[in-house]
Structures are given as structure tokens and as C-alpha cells.
Amino acid sequence: MFFLPDCRPADDMKIGILQVDLKIGDALNLREKRGILRSLKDRWRRCNVSVAEVDFLDHPQHAMLGLAMVGNDARFLESALAKVVEQMQRERRTELLDFQIEII
């Protein structure tokens, strides 16, 4: 791993990872799916998370998303990602099939 001379890795840096499996019942094609996901991703980015579609890219009614958040408090990261999950559960355009939170 490369580090600048005065830069050292933070001992207390934590990364929160949330993987979600979504069903998008209203999407009839990939364009509709992308529109729905774009609006959801824009909303979740306001929670300071990075979001990417990581699987089922060519399936109009299915999406696997990865969300990540960096901080120094594992409990805060887990709580913040749990709030994102709660938002997903209330979302009418998608159905949350499964999720997993991991802190590393």
C-alpha cells in the first residue's frame, strides 16, 4: 500500500457496508428501472452514503445495490445504515427483499 511520507492510515477508521436486494415491480424496462433507482440514490446520498448498482444490471425488475459510509464510530455507521434500510422499507416503488450490514 502506498502512503505519502506524512500520511498514515487512521487506526479508528471504519467502513459501513450495506448490501440491498430490491424488487422493482413497476419497472417494465431498464429505462424505467434506472429512473426509479436514480431518484432513490439521490435521496440516499443526502445521508452521506455512496451508492452503486452492483448486480442484476440487465434485469428490469431486480436490483442489487451496494452502499458505503466511512466514519470513526461503528455504532454510528450501523445506525445510519439501519435508517437507510428503514427508508427502503417505506419506499412504495420498490420491495426490499434482503439486506446485510457489515462494519469493517
C-alpha atoms as a PDB file:
ATOM      1  CA  MET A   1       0.000   0.000   0.000  1.00  0.00           C
ATOM      2  CA  PHE A   2       1.330   3.444  -0.894  1.00  0.00           C
ATOM      3  CA  PHE A   3       1.236   6.292   1.630  1.00  0.00           C
ATOM      4  CA  LEU A   4       2.558   9.818   1.405  1.00  0.00           C
ATOM      5  CA  PRO A   5       5.514  10.431   3.761  1.00  0.00           C
ATOM      6  CA  ASP A   6       3.466  12.335   6.364  1.00  0.00           C
ATOM      7  CA  CYS A   7       0.282  10.345   5.904  1.00  0.00           C
ATOM      8  CA  ARG A   8      -0.506   7.274   7.961  1.00  0.00           C
ATOM      9  CA  PRO A   9      -3.629   5.124   7.951  1.00  0.00           C
ATOM     10  CA  ALA A  10      -6.174   6.043  10.606  1.00  0.00           C
ATOM     11  CA  ASP A  11      -6.439   3.371  13.283  1.00  0.00           C
ATOM     12  CA  ASP A  12     -10.023   4.292  14.073  1.00  0.00           C
ATOM     13  CA  MET A  13     -11.364   4.488  10.508  1.00  0.00           C
ATOM     14  CA  LYS A  14     -14.405   2.273   9.967  1.00  0.00           C
ATOM     15  CA  ILE A  15     -16.309   1.466   6.781  1.00  0.00           C
ATOM     16  CA  GLY A  16     -20.001   0.619   6.878  1.00  0.00           C
ATOM     17  CA  ILE A  17     -21.267  -1.501   4.004  1.00  0.00           C
ATOM     18  CA  LEU A  18     -24.932  -2.094   3.220  1.00  0.00           C
ATOM     19  CA  GLN A  19     -25.955  -4.545   0.513  1.00  0.00           C
ATOM     20  CA  VAL A  20     -29.606  -4.486  -0.504  1.00  0.00           C
ATOM     21  CA  ASP A  21     -31.622  -6.722  -2.804  1.00  0.00           C
ATOM     22  CA  LEU A  22     -34.598  -4.870  -4.307  1.00  0.00           C
ATOM     23  CA  LYS A  23     -37.580  -5.838  -6.417  1.00  0.00           C
ATOM     24  CA  ILE A  24     -38.812  -3.041  -8.676  1.00  0.00           C
ATOM     25  CA  GLY A  25     -42.276  -4.216  -9.684  1.00  0.00           C
ATOM     26  CA  ASP A  26     -43.313  -1.106 -11.622  1.00  0.00           C
ATOM     27  CA  ALA A  27     -40.331  -1.106 -13.990  1.00  0.00           C
ATOM     28  CA  LEU A  28     -41.249  -2.550 -17.373  1.00  0.00           C
ATOM     29  CA  ASN A  29     -37.842  -1.883 -18.920  1.00  0.00           C
ATOM     30  CA  LEU A  30     -34.318  -0.852 -17.970  1.00  0.00           C
ATOM     31  CA  ARG A  31     -35.001   2.840 -18.588  1.00  0.00           C
ATOM     32  CA  GLU A  32     -37.808   2.860 -16.001  1.00  0.00           C
ATOM     33  CA  LYS A  33     -35.639   0.876 -13.584  1.00  0.00           C
ATOM     34  CA  ARG A  34     -32.772   3.375 -13.927  1.00  0.00           C
ATOM     35  CA  GLY A  35     -35.153   6.283 -13.321  1.00  0.00           C
ATOM     36  CA  ILE A  36     -36.503   4.747 -10.130  1.00  0.00           C
ATOM     37  CA  LEU A  37     -33.017   3.839  -8.890  1.00  0.00           C
ATOM     38  CA  ARG A  38     -31.647   7.287  -9.755  1.00  0.00           C
ATOM     39  CA  SER A  39     -34.250   9.014  -7.604  1.00  0.00           C
ATOM     40  CA  LEU A  40     -33.623   6.610  -4.726  1.00  0.00           C
ATOM     41  CA  LYS A  41     -29.843   7.004  -4.979  1.00  0.00           C
ATOM     42  CA  ASP A  42     -30.145  10.799  -4.993  1.00  0.00           C
ATOM     43  CA  ARG A  43     -32.192  10.642  -1.795  1.00  0.00           C
ATOM     44  CA  TRP A  44     -29.796   8.271  -0.049  1.00  0.00           C
ATOM     45  CA  ARG A  45     -26.741  10.342  -0.991  1.00  0.00           C
ATOM     46  CA  ARG A  46     -28.166  13.086   1.245  1.00  0.00           C
ATOM     47  CA  CYS A  47     -27.441  10.647   4.082  1.00  0.00           C
ATOM     48  CA  ASN A  48     -23.714  10.803   3.155  1.00  0.00           C
ATOM     49  CA  VAL A  49     -23.576   7.318   1.639  1.00  0.00           C
ATOM     50  CA  SER A  50     -22.045   6.246  -1.647  1.00  0.00           C
ATOM     51  CA  VAL A  51     -24.382   4.124  -3.761  1.00  0.00           C
ATOM     52  CA  ALA A  52     -23.770   1.811  -6.722  1.00  0.00           C
ATOM     53  CA  GLU A  53     -25.791  -0.814  -8.549  1.00  0.00           C
ATOM     54  CA  VAL A  54     -23.662  -3.966  -8.276  1.00  0.00           C
ATOM     55  CA  ASP A  55     -25.727  -6.847  -9.701  1.00  0.00           C
ATOM     56  CA  PHE A  56     -28.768  -7.660 -11.867  1.00  0.00           C
ATOM     57  CA  LEU A  57     -27.820  -4.771 -14.152  1.00  0.00           C
ATOM     58  CA  ASP A  58     -29.790  -6.149 -17.099  1.00  0.00           C
ATOM     59  CA  HIS A  59     -32.904  -7.233 -15.194  1.00  0.00           C
ATOM     60  CA  PRO A  60     -35.660  -4.583 -15.255  1.00  0.00           C
ATOM     61  CA  GLN A  61     -37.378  -5.634 -12.017  1.00  0.00           C
ATOM     62  CA  HIS A  62     -34.436  -6.615  -9.830  1.00  0.00           C
ATOM     63  CA  ALA A  63     -31.505  -4.647  -8.401  1.00  0.00           C
ATOM     64  CA  MET A  64     -28.645  -5.297  -6.030  1.00  0.00           C
ATOM     65  CA  LEU A  65     -27.212  -2.100  -4.569  1.00  0.00           C
ATOM     66  CA  GLY A  66     -24.102  -1.516  -2.522  1.00  0.00           C
ATOM     67  CA  LEU A  67     -23.960   1.445  -0.152  1.00  0.00           C
ATOM     68  CA  ALA A  68     -20.889   2.549   1.786  1.00  0.00           C
ATOM     69  CA  MET A  69     -20.181   5.059   4.510  1.00  0.00           C
ATOM     70  CA  VAL A  70     -16.904   5.973   6.220  1.00  0.00           C
ATOM     71  CA  GLY A  71     -16.502   7.190   9.793  1.00  0.00           C
ATOM     72  CA  ASN A  72     -14.767   6.560  13.084  1.00  0.00           C
ATOM     73  CA  ASP A  73     -17.699   5.227  15.125  1.00  0.00           C
ATOM     74  CA  ALA A  74     -19.001   1.760  14.238  1.00  0.00           C
ATOM     75  CA  ARG A  75     -22.247   2.255  16.176  1.00  0.00           C
ATOM     76  CA  PHE A  76     -22.988   5.486  14.317  1.00  0.00           C
ATOM     77  CA  LEU A  77     -22.321   3.828  10.944  1.00  0.00           C
ATOM     78  CA  GLU A  78     -24.568   0.881  11.767  1.00  0.00           C
ATOM     79  CA  SER A  79     -27.318   3.200  12.987  1.00  0.00           C
ATOM     80  CA  ALA A  80     -27.098   5.424   9.903  1.00  0.00           C
ATOM     81  CA  LEU A  81     -27.228   2.445   7.537  1.00  0.00           C
ATOM     82  CA  ALA A  82     -30.160   0.992   9.510  1.00  0.00           C
ATOM     83  CA  LYS A  83     -32.007   4.278   8.908  1.00  0.00           C
ATOM     84  CA  VAL A  84     -31.406   3.880   5.173  1.00  0.00           C
ATOM     85  CA  VAL A  85     -32.884   0.374   5.420  1.00  0.00           C
ATOM     86  CA  GLU A  86     -35.946   1.832   7.192  1.00  0.00           C
ATOM     87  CA  GLN A  87     -36.349   4.329   4.332  1.00  0.00           C
ATOM     88  CA  MET A  88     -36.146   1.476   1.837  1.00  0.00           C
ATOM     89  CA  GLN A  89     -38.823  -0.474   3.693  1.00  0.00           C
ATOM     90  CA  ARG A  90     -41.182   2.504   3.426  1.00  0.00           C
ATOM     91  CA  GLU A  91     -40.498   3.035  -0.282  1.00  0.00           C
ATOM     92  CA  ARG A  92     -43.588   2.280  -2.395  1.00  0.00           C
ATOM     93  CA  ARG A  93     -41.840   1.800  -5.745  1.00  0.00           C
ATOM     94  CA  THR A  94     -39.563  -0.988  -4.528  1.00  0.00           C
ATOM     95  CA  GLU A  95     -39.756  -4.023  -2.276  1.00  0.00           C
ATOM     96  CA  LEU A  96     -36.785  -4.770  -0.021  1.00  0.00           C
ATOM     97  CA  LEU A  97     -36.122  -8.490  -0.451  1.00  0.00           C
ATOM     98  CA  ASP A  98     -32.986  -8.758   1.681  1.00  0.00           C
ATOM     99  CA  PHE A  99     -30.205  -6.668   3.178  1.00  0.00           C
ATOM    100  CA  GLN A 100     -26.923  -7.073   5.006  1.00  0.00           C
ATOM    101  CA  ILE A 101     -24.969  -4.534   7.065  1.00  0.00           C
ATOM    102  CA  GLU A 102     -21.266  -5.047   7.702  1.00  0.00           C
ATOM    103  CA  ILE A 103     -18.771  -2.813   9.509  1.00  0.00           C
ATOM    104  CA  ILE A 104     -15.089  -3.288   8.726  1.00  0.00           C
END
